[in-house]
């Protein structure tokens, strides 16, 4: 079952755990008030429409298989591990 990230509040972190941005009940990942990326279903895009990767189990992975970002709900702890 795919998570609708546009219907909740989430943090987005890089693979080292550094805060990158937030999703606040819409399709944009923002850093402060500035939009940085857009989410469409399980796809993660630049604002110019370039595909960055796909979201699966809260991990954004590029088409080449590189893990880029972690998306976690702000309403519950989610464990993740760098692999």
PDB file of N, CA and C in Angstrom:
ATOM      1  N   UNK A   1       0.838  -1.177   0.000  1.00  0.00           N
ATOM      2  CA  UNK A   1       0.000   0.000   0.000  1.00  0.00           C
ATOM      3  C   UNK A   1       0.889   1.248   0.000  1.00  0.00           C
ATOM      4  N   UNK A   2       0.626   2.139  -0.938  1.00  0.00           N
ATOM      5  CA  UNK A   2       1.410   3.361  -1.070  1.00  0.00           C
ATOM      6  C   UNK A   2       0.932   4.411  -0.063  1.00  0.00           C
ATOM      7  N   UNK A   3       1.880   5.085   0.563  1.00  0.00           N
ATOM      8  CA  UNK A   3       1.571   6.163   1.502  1.00  0.00           C
ATOM      9  C   UNK A   3       1.333   7.439   0.702  1.00  0.00           C
ATOM     10  N   UNK A   4       0.280   8.173   1.036  1.00  0.00           N
ATOM     11  CA  UNK A   4       0.024   9.465   0.411  1.00  0.00           C
ATOM     12  C   UNK A   4       0.721  10.527   1.260  1.00  0.00           C
ATOM     13  N   UNK A   5       1.932  10.901   0.861  1.00  0.00           N
ATOM     14  CA  UNK A   5       2.729  11.855   1.633  1.00  0.00           C
ATOM     15  C   UNK A   5       2.145  13.269   1.595  1.00  0.00           C
ATOM     16  N   UNK A   6       1.179  13.518   0.721  1.00  0.00           N
ATOM     17  CA  UNK A   6       0.544  14.838   0.621  1.00  0.00           C
ATOM     18  C   UNK A   6      -0.534  15.044   1.684  1.00  0.00           C
ATOM     19  N   UNK A   7      -0.819  14.023   2.473  1.00  0.00           N
ATOM     20  CA  UNK A   7      -1.882  14.111   3.474  1.00  0.00           C
ATOM     21  C   UNK A   7      -1.349  13.972   4.891  1.00  0.00           C
ATOM     22  N   UNK A   8      -0.194  14.516   5.147  1.00  0.00           N
ATOM     23  CA  UNK A   8       0.375  14.440   6.490  1.00  0.00           C
ATOM     24  C   UNK A   8       1.576  15.351   6.615  1.00  0.00           C
ATOM     25  N   UNK A   9       2.216  15.261   7.758  1.00  0.00           N
ATOM     26  CA  UNK A   9       3.417  16.041   8.009  1.00  0.00           C
ATOM     27  C   UNK A   9       4.589  15.079   8.165  1.00  0.00           C
ATOM     28  N   UNK A  10       5.639  15.352   7.396  1.00  0.00           N
ATOM     29  CA  UNK A  10       6.794  14.463   7.344  1.00  0.00           C
ATOM     30  C   UNK A  10       8.078  15.280   7.340  1.00  0.00           C
ATOM     31  N   UNK A  11       9.128  14.688   7.862  1.00  0.00           N
ATOM     32  CA  UNK A  11      10.462  15.263   7.725  1.00  0.00           C
ATOM     33  C   UNK A  11      11.174  14.508   6.614  1.00  0.00           C
ATOM     34  N   UNK A  12      12.044  15.218   5.920  1.00  0.00           N
ATOM     35  CA  UNK A  12      12.863  14.623   4.870  1.00  0.00           C
ATOM     36  C   UNK A  12      14.311  14.854   5.274  1.00  0.00           C
ATOM     37  N   UNK A  13      15.061  13.770   5.366  1.00  0.00           N
ATOM     38  CA  UNK A  13      16.468  13.836   5.770  1.00  0.00           C
ATOM     39  C   UNK A  13      17.333  13.189   4.705  1.00  0.00           C
ATOM     40  N   UNK A  14      18.595  13.624   4.645  1.00  0.00           N
ATOM     41  CA  UNK A  14      19.514  12.949   3.741  1.00  0.00           C
ATOM     42  C   UNK A  14      19.917  11.610   4.373  1.00  0.00           C
ATOM     43  N   UNK A  15      20.697  10.838   3.683  1.00  0.00           N
ATOM     44  CA  UNK A  15      21.032   9.497   4.166  1.00  0.00           C
ATOM     45  C   UNK A  15      21.971   9.516   5.370  1.00  0.00           C
ATOM     46  N   UNK A  16      22.510  10.680   5.720  1.00  0.00           N
ATOM     47  CA  UNK A  16      23.310  10.815   6.933  1.00  0.00           C
ATOM     48  C   UNK A  16      22.463  11.272   8.113  1.00  0.00           C
ATOM     49  N   UNK A  17      21.175  11.507   7.866  1.00  0.00           N
ATOM     50  CA  UNK A  17      20.266  11.900   8.932  1.00  0.00           C
ATOM     51  C   UNK A  17      20.101  13.399   9.105  1.00  0.00           C
ATOM     52  N   UNK A  18      20.786  14.212   8.276  1.00  0.00           N
ATOM     53  CA  UNK A  18      20.657  15.669   8.380  1.00  0.00           C
ATOM     54  C   UNK A  18      19.307  16.118   7.815  1.00  0.00           C
ATOM     55  N   UNK A  19      18.644  17.014   8.526  1.00  0.00           N
ATOM     56  CA  UNK A  19      17.350  17.518   8.090  1.00  0.00           C
ATOM     57  C   UNK A  19      17.496  18.250   6.765  1.00  0.00           C
ATOM     58  N   UNK A  20      16.672  17.867   5.809  1.00  0.00           N
ATOM     59  CA  UNK A  20      16.700  18.456   4.473  1.00  0.00           C
ATOM     60  C   UNK A  20      15.489  19.352   4.231  1.00  0.00           C
ATOM     61  N   UNK A  21      14.327  18.927   4.740  1.00  0.00           N
ATOM     62  CA  UNK A  21      13.111  19.700   4.543  1.00  0.00           C
ATOM     63  C   UNK A  21      11.915  19.035   5.192  1.00  0.00           C
ATOM     64  N   UNK A  22      10.731  19.616   4.922  1.00  0.00           N
ATOM     65  CA  UNK A  22       9.484  19.094   5.499  1.00  0.00           C
ATOM     66  C   UNK A  22       8.403  19.026   4.437  1.00  0.00           C
ATOM     67  N   UNK A  23       7.494  18.104   4.632  1.00  0.00           N
ATOM     68  CA  UNK A  23       6.269  18.026   3.846  1.00  0.00           C
ATOM     69  C   UNK A  23       5.154  18.356   4.819  1.00  0.00           C
ATOM     70  N   UNK A  24       4.316  19.310   4.450  1.00  0.00           N
ATOM     71  CA  UNK A  24       3.252  19.746   5.353  1.00  0.00           C
ATOM     72  C   UNK A  24       1.904  19.724   4.631  1.00  0.00           C
ATOM     73  N   UNK A  25       1.368  18.517   4.494  1.00  0.00           N
ATOM     74  CA  UNK A  25       0.037  18.282   3.926  1.00  0.00           C
ATOM     75  C   UNK A  25      -0.133  18.825   2.511  1.00  0.00           C
ATOM     76  N   UNK A  26       0.936  18.792   1.718  1.00  0.00           N
ATOM     77  CA  UNK A  26       0.826  19.083   0.289  1.00  0.00           C
ATOM     78  C   UNK A  26       1.923  18.335  -0.446  1.00  0.00           C
ATOM     79  N   UNK A  27       2.097  18.611  -1.728  1.00  0.00           N
ATOM     80  CA  UNK A  27       3.028  17.819  -2.534  1.00  0.00           C
ATOM     81  C   UNK A  27       4.459  18.346  -2.536  1.00  0.00           C
ATOM     82  N   UNK A  28       4.748  19.416  -1.793  1.00  0.00           N
ATOM     83  CA  UNK A  28       6.083  20.025  -1.821  1.00  0.00           C
ATOM     84  C   UNK A  28       6.930  19.651  -0.605  1.00  0.00           C
ATOM     85  N   UNK A  29       8.216  19.451  -0.877  1.00  0.00           N
ATOM     86  CA  UNK A  29       9.213  19.358   0.188  1.00  0.00           C
ATOM     87  C   UNK A  29       9.803  20.757   0.302  1.00  0.00           C
ATOM     88  N   UNK A  30       9.703  21.342   1.485  1.00  0.00           N
ATOM     89  CA  UNK A  30      10.169  22.708   1.692  1.00  0.00           C
ATOM     90  C   UNK A  30      11.327  22.747   2.685  1.00  0.00           C
ATOM     91  N   UNK A  31      12.225  23.683   2.426  1.00  0.00           N
ATOM     92  CA  UNK A  31      13.263  24.018   3.378  1.00  0.00           C
ATOM     93  C   UNK A  31      12.908  25.418   3.854  1.00  0.00           C
ATOM     94  N   UNK A  32      12.426  25.541   5.074  1.00  0.00           N
ATOM     95  CA  UNK A  32      11.834  26.798   5.521  1.00  0.00           C
ATOM     96  C   UNK A  32      10.544  26.989   4.743  1.00  0.00           C
ATOM     97  N   UNK A  33      10.365  28.127   4.107  1.00  0.00           N
ATOM     98  CA  UNK A  33       9.153  28.335   3.309  1.00  0.00           C
ATOM     99  C   UNK A  33       9.402  28.105   1.817  1.00  0.00           C
ATOM    100  N   UNK A  34      10.652  27.862   1.431  1.00  0.00           N
ATOM    101  CA  UNK A  34      10.993  27.678   0.022  1.00  0.00           C
ATOM    102  C   UNK A  34      10.783  26.236  -0.436  1.00  0.00           C
ATOM    103  N   UNK A  35       9.969  26.028  -1.476  1.00  0.00           N
ATOM    104  CA  UNK A  35       9.812  24.673  -2.007  1.00  0.00           C
ATOM    105  C   UNK A  35      11.105  24.203  -2.667  1.00  0.00           C
ATOM    106  N   UNK A  36      11.456  22.933  -2.418  1.00  0.00           N
ATOM    107  CA  UNK A  36      12.693  22.372  -2.992  1.00  0.00           C
ATOM    108  C   UNK A  36      12.411  21.239  -3.969  1.00  0.00           C
ATOM    109  N   UNK A  37      11.438  20.378  -3.615  1.00  0.00           N
ATOM    110  CA  UNK A  37      11.096  19.229  -4.442  1.00  0.00           C
ATOM    111  C   UNK A  37       9.587  19.040  -4.447  1.00  0.00           C
ATOM    112  N   UNK A  38       9.115  18.174  -5.351  1.00  0.00           N
ATOM    113  CA  UNK A  38       7.688  17.876  -5.454  1.00  0.00           C
ATOM    114  C   UNK A  38       7.495  16.361  -5.450  1.00  0.00           C
ATOM    115  N   UNK A  39       6.413  15.940  -4.809  1.00  0.00           N
ATOM    116  CA  UNK A  39       6.070  14.522  -4.758  1.00  0.00           C
ATOM    117  C   UNK A  39       4.788  14.300  -5.555  1.00  0.00           C
ATOM    118  N   UNK A  40       4.798  13.240  -6.365  1.00  0.00           N
ATOM    119  CA  UNK A  40       3.614  12.852  -7.125  1.00  0.00           C
ATOM    120  C   UNK A  40       3.465  11.339  -6.974  1.00  0.00           C
ATOM    121  N   UNK A  41       2.563  10.929  -6.086  1.00  0.00           N
ATOM    122  CA  UNK A  41       2.420   9.497  -5.801  1.00  0.00           C
ATOM    123  C   UNK A  41       3.663   8.971  -5.131  1.00  0.00           C
ATOM    124  N   UNK A  42       4.329   8.011  -5.772  1.00  0.00           N
ATOM    125  CA  UNK A  42       5.569   7.470  -5.202  1.00  0.00           C
ATOM    126  C   UNK A  42       6.804   8.002  -5.932  1.00  0.00           C
ATOM    127  N   UNK A  43       6.629   9.109  -6.680  1.00  0.00           N
ATOM    128  CA  UNK A  43       7.731   9.694  -7.434  1.00  0.00           C
ATOM    129  C   UNK A  43       8.180  11.015  -6.804  1.00  0.00           C
ATOM    130  N   UNK A  44       9.477  11.252  -6.824  1.00  0.00           N
ATOM    131  CA  UNK A  44      10.109  12.407  -6.186  1.00  0.00           C
ATOM    132  C   UNK A  44      10.788  13.216  -7.288  1.00  0.00           C
ATOM    133  N   UNK A  45      10.390  14.495  -7.476  1.00  0.00           N
ATOM    134  CA  UNK A  45      10.847  15.322  -8.588  1.00  0.00           C
ATOM    135  C   UNK A  45      11.491  16.621  -8.125  1.00  0.00           C
ATOM    136  N   UNK A  46      12.334  17.208  -8.995  1.00  0.00           N
ATOM    137  CA  UNK A  46      12.756  18.589  -8.805  1.00  0.00           C
ATOM    138  C   UNK A  46      11.559  19.463  -9.151  1.00  0.00           C
ATOM    139  N   UNK A  47      11.629  20.733  -8.835  1.00  0.00           N
ATOM    140  CA  UNK A  47      10.540  21.653  -9.186  1.00  0.00           C
ATOM    141  C   UNK A  47      10.430  21.837 -10.694  1.00  0.00           C
ATOM    142  N   UNK A  48      11.491  21.520 -11.431  1.00  0.00           N
ATOM    143  CA  UNK A  48      11.474  21.604 -12.887  1.00  0.00           C
ATOM    144  C   UNK A  48      10.937  20.337 -13.541  1.00  0.00           C
ATOM    145  N   UNK A  49      10.533  19.364 -12.742  1.00  0.00           N
ATOM    146  CA  UNK A  49       9.949  18.138 -13.277  1.00  0.00           C
ATOM    147  C   UNK A  49      10.919  17.023 -13.595  1.00  0.00           C
ATOM    148  N   UNK A  50      12.165  17.139 -13.147  1.00  0.00           N
ATOM    149  CA  UNK A  50      13.151  16.080 -13.363  1.00  0.00           C
ATOM    150  C   UNK A  50      12.979  15.024 -12.270  1.00  0.00           C
ATOM    151  N   UNK A  51      12.832  13.772 -12.676  1.00  0.00           N
ATOM    152  CA  UNK A  51      12.661  12.676 -11.727  1.00  0.00           C
ATOM    153  C   UNK A  51      13.946  12.454 -10.934  1.00  0.00           C
ATOM    154  N   UNK A  52      13.843  12.536  -9.603  1.00  0.00           N
ATOM    155  CA  UNK A  52      14.970  12.229  -8.721  1.00  0.00           C
ATOM    156  C   UNK A  52      14.953  10.741  -8.385  1.00  0.00           C
ATOM    157  N   UNK A  53      13.772  10.228  -8.063  1.00  0.00           N
ATOM    158  CA  UNK A  53      13.684   8.822  -7.701  1.00  0.00           C
ATOM    159  C   UNK A  53      12.284   8.425  -7.300  1.00  0.00           C
ATOM    160  N   UNK A  54      12.219   7.238  -6.734  1.00  0.00           N
ATOM    161  CA  UNK A  54      10.954   6.635  -6.312  1.00  0.00           C
ATOM    162  C   UNK A  54      10.967   6.423  -4.802  1.00  0.00           C
ATOM    163  N   UNK A  55       9.816   6.589  -4.175  1.00  0.00           N
ATOM    164  CA  UNK A  55       9.697   6.417  -2.730  1.00  0.00           C
ATOM    165  C   UNK A  55       9.167   5.017  -2.456  1.00  0.00           C
ATOM    166  N   UNK A  56       9.906   4.269  -1.664  1.00  0.00           N
ATOM    167  CA  UNK A  56       9.456   2.952  -1.236  1.00  0.00           C
ATOM    168  C   UNK A  56       9.853   2.770   0.218  1.00  0.00           C
ATOM    169  N   UNK A  57       8.868   2.502   1.058  1.00  0.00           N
ATOM    170  CA  UNK A  57       9.096   2.329   2.499  1.00  0.00           C
ATOM    171  C   UNK A  57       9.815   3.531   3.103  1.00  0.00           C
ATOM    172  N   UNK A  58       9.470   4.736   2.634  1.00  0.00           N
ATOM    173  CA  UNK A  58      10.028   5.952   3.205  1.00  0.00           C
ATOM    174  C   UNK A  58      11.419   6.315   2.725  1.00  0.00           C
ATOM    175  N   UNK A  59      11.957   5.602   1.748  1.00  0.00           N
ATOM    176  CA  UNK A  59      13.285   5.879   1.211  1.00  0.00           C
ATOM    177  C   UNK A  59      13.152   6.311  -0.251  1.00  0.00           C
ATOM    178  N   UNK A  60      13.765   7.456  -0.587  1.00  0.00           N
ATOM    179  CA  UNK A  60      13.806   7.908  -1.978  1.00  0.00           C
ATOM    180  C   UNK A  60      15.040   7.289  -2.610  1.00  0.00           C
ATOM    181  N   UNK A  61      14.814   6.501  -3.659  1.00  0.00           N
ATOM    182  CA  UNK A  61      15.892   5.799  -4.350  1.00  0.00           C
ATOM    183  C   UNK A  61      15.901   6.221  -5.812  1.00  0.00           C
ATOM    184  N   UNK A  62      17.074   6.546  -6.337  1.00  0.00           N
ATOM    185  CA  UNK A  62      17.196   6.956  -7.737  1.00  0.00           C
ATOM    186  C   UNK A  62      16.904   5.762  -8.645  1.00  0.00           C
ATOM    187  N   UNK A  63      16.642   6.021  -9.932  1.00  0.00           N
ATOM    188  CA  UNK A  63      16.459   4.912 -10.875  1.00  0.00           C
ATOM    189  C   UNK A  63      17.676   3.982 -10.961  1.00  0.00           C
ATOM    190  N   UNK A  64      18.863   4.479 -10.566  1.00  0.00           N
ATOM    191  CA  UNK A  64      20.077   3.650 -10.565  1.00  0.00           C
ATOM    192  C   UNK A  64      20.259   2.885  -9.261  1.00  0.00           C
ATOM    193  N   UNK A  65      19.303   3.046  -8.317  1.00  0.00           N
ATOM    194  CA  UNK A  65      19.353   2.301  -7.069  1.00  0.00           C
ATOM    195  C   UNK A  65      20.062   2.994  -5.916  1.00  0.00           C
ATOM    196  N   UNK A  66      20.432   4.260  -6.080  1.00  0.00           N
ATOM    197  CA  UNK A  66      21.111   4.995  -5.009  1.00  0.00           C
ATOM    198  C   UNK A  66      20.082   5.577  -4.048  1.00  0.00           C
ATOM    199  N   UNK A  67      20.275   5.342  -2.774  1.00  0.00           N
ATOM    200  CA  UNK A  67      19.384   5.912  -1.763  1.00  0.00           C
ATOM    201  C   UNK A  67      19.764   7.363  -1.523  1.00  0.00           C
ATOM    202  N   UNK A  68      18.765   8.269  -1.567  1.00  0.00           N
ATOM    203  CA  UNK A  68      19.040   9.697  -1.439  1.00  0.00           C
ATOM    204  C   UNK A  68      18.444  10.326  -0.186  1.00  0.00           C
ATOM    205  N   UNK A  69      17.157  10.052   0.086  1.00  0.00           N
ATOM    206  CA  UNK A  69      16.468  10.726   1.184  1.00  0.00           C
ATOM    207  C   UNK A  69      15.614   9.752   1.975  1.00  0.00           C
ATOM    208  N   UNK A  70      15.345  10.132   3.226  1.00  0.00           N
ATOM    209  CA  UNK A  70      14.485   9.373   4.131  1.00  0.00           C
ATOM    210  C   UNK A  70      13.290  10.256   4.467  1.00  0.00           C
ATOM    211  N   UNK A  71      12.099   9.715   4.311  1.00  0.00           N
ATOM    212  CA  UNK A  71      10.880  10.453   4.647  1.00  0.00           C
ATOM    213  C   UNK A  71      10.242   9.764   5.843  1.00  0.00           C
ATOM    214  N   UNK A  72      10.022  10.524   6.913  1.00  0.00           N
ATOM    215  CA  UNK A  72       9.466   9.938   8.137  1.00  0.00           C
ATOM    216  C   UNK A  72       8.353  10.824   8.682  1.00  0.00           C
ATOM    217  N   UNK A  73       7.318  10.181   9.181  1.00  0.00           N
ATOM    218  CA  UNK A  73       6.194  10.897   9.762  1.00  0.00           C
ATOM    219  C   UNK A  73       6.632  11.674  10.991  1.00  0.00           C
ATOM    220  N   UNK A  74       6.081  12.865  11.143  1.00  0.00           N
ATOM    221  CA  UNK A  74       6.360  13.650  12.347  1.00  0.00           C
ATOM    222  C   UNK A  74       5.480  13.207  13.508  1.00  0.00           C
ATOM    223  N   UNK A  75       4.536  12.320  13.249  1.00  0.00           N
ATOM    224  CA  UNK A  75       3.617  11.872  14.301  1.00  0.00           C
ATOM    225  C   UNK A  75       3.989  10.514  14.862  1.00  0.00           C
ATOM    226  N   UNK A  76       5.134  10.041  14.570  1.00  0.00           N
ATOM    227  CA  UNK A  76       5.560   8.759  15.112  1.00  0.00           C
ATOM    228  C   UNK A  76       6.990   8.497  14.729  1.00  0.00           C
ATOM    229  N   UNK A  77       7.660   7.776  15.536  1.00  0.00           N
ATOM    230  CA  UNK A  77       9.044   7.445  15.254  1.00  0.00           C
ATOM    231  C   UNK A  77       9.075   6.343  14.201  1.00  0.00           C
ATOM    232  N   UNK A  78       9.969   6.476  13.277  1.00  0.00           N
ATOM    233  CA  UNK A  78      10.149   5.451  12.254  1.00  0.00           C
ATOM    234  C   UNK A  78      11.624   5.101  12.236  1.00  0.00           C
ATOM    235  N   UNK A  79      11.914   3.861  12.337  1.00  0.00           N
ATOM    236  CA  UNK A  79      13.326   3.483  12.332  1.00  0.00           C
ATOM    237  C   UNK A  79      13.793   3.290  10.897  1.00  0.00           C
ATOM    238  N   UNK A  80      15.021   3.634  10.645  1.00  0.00           N
ATOM    239  CA  UNK A  80      15.628   3.415   9.339  1.00  0.00           C
ATOM    240  C   UNK A  80      17.092   3.118   9.563  1.00  0.00           C
ATOM    241  N   UNK A  81      17.657   2.442   8.615  1.00  0.00           N
ATOM    242  CA  UNK A  81      19.058   2.076   8.722  1.00  0.00           C
ATOM    243  C   UNK A  81      19.724   2.310   7.384  1.00  0.00           C
ATOM    244  N   UNK A  82      20.896   2.890   7.439  1.00  0.00           N
ATOM    245  CA  UNK A  82      21.675   3.081   6.227  1.00  0.00           C
ATOM    246  C   UNK A  82      22.230   1.724   5.801  1.00  0.00           C
ATOM    247  N   UNK A  83      21.949   1.344   4.585  1.00  0.00           N
ATOM    248  CA  UNK A  83      22.443   0.052   4.090  1.00  0.00           C
ATOM    249  C   UNK A  83      23.369   0.245   2.923  1.00  0.00           C
TER     250      UNK A  83
END
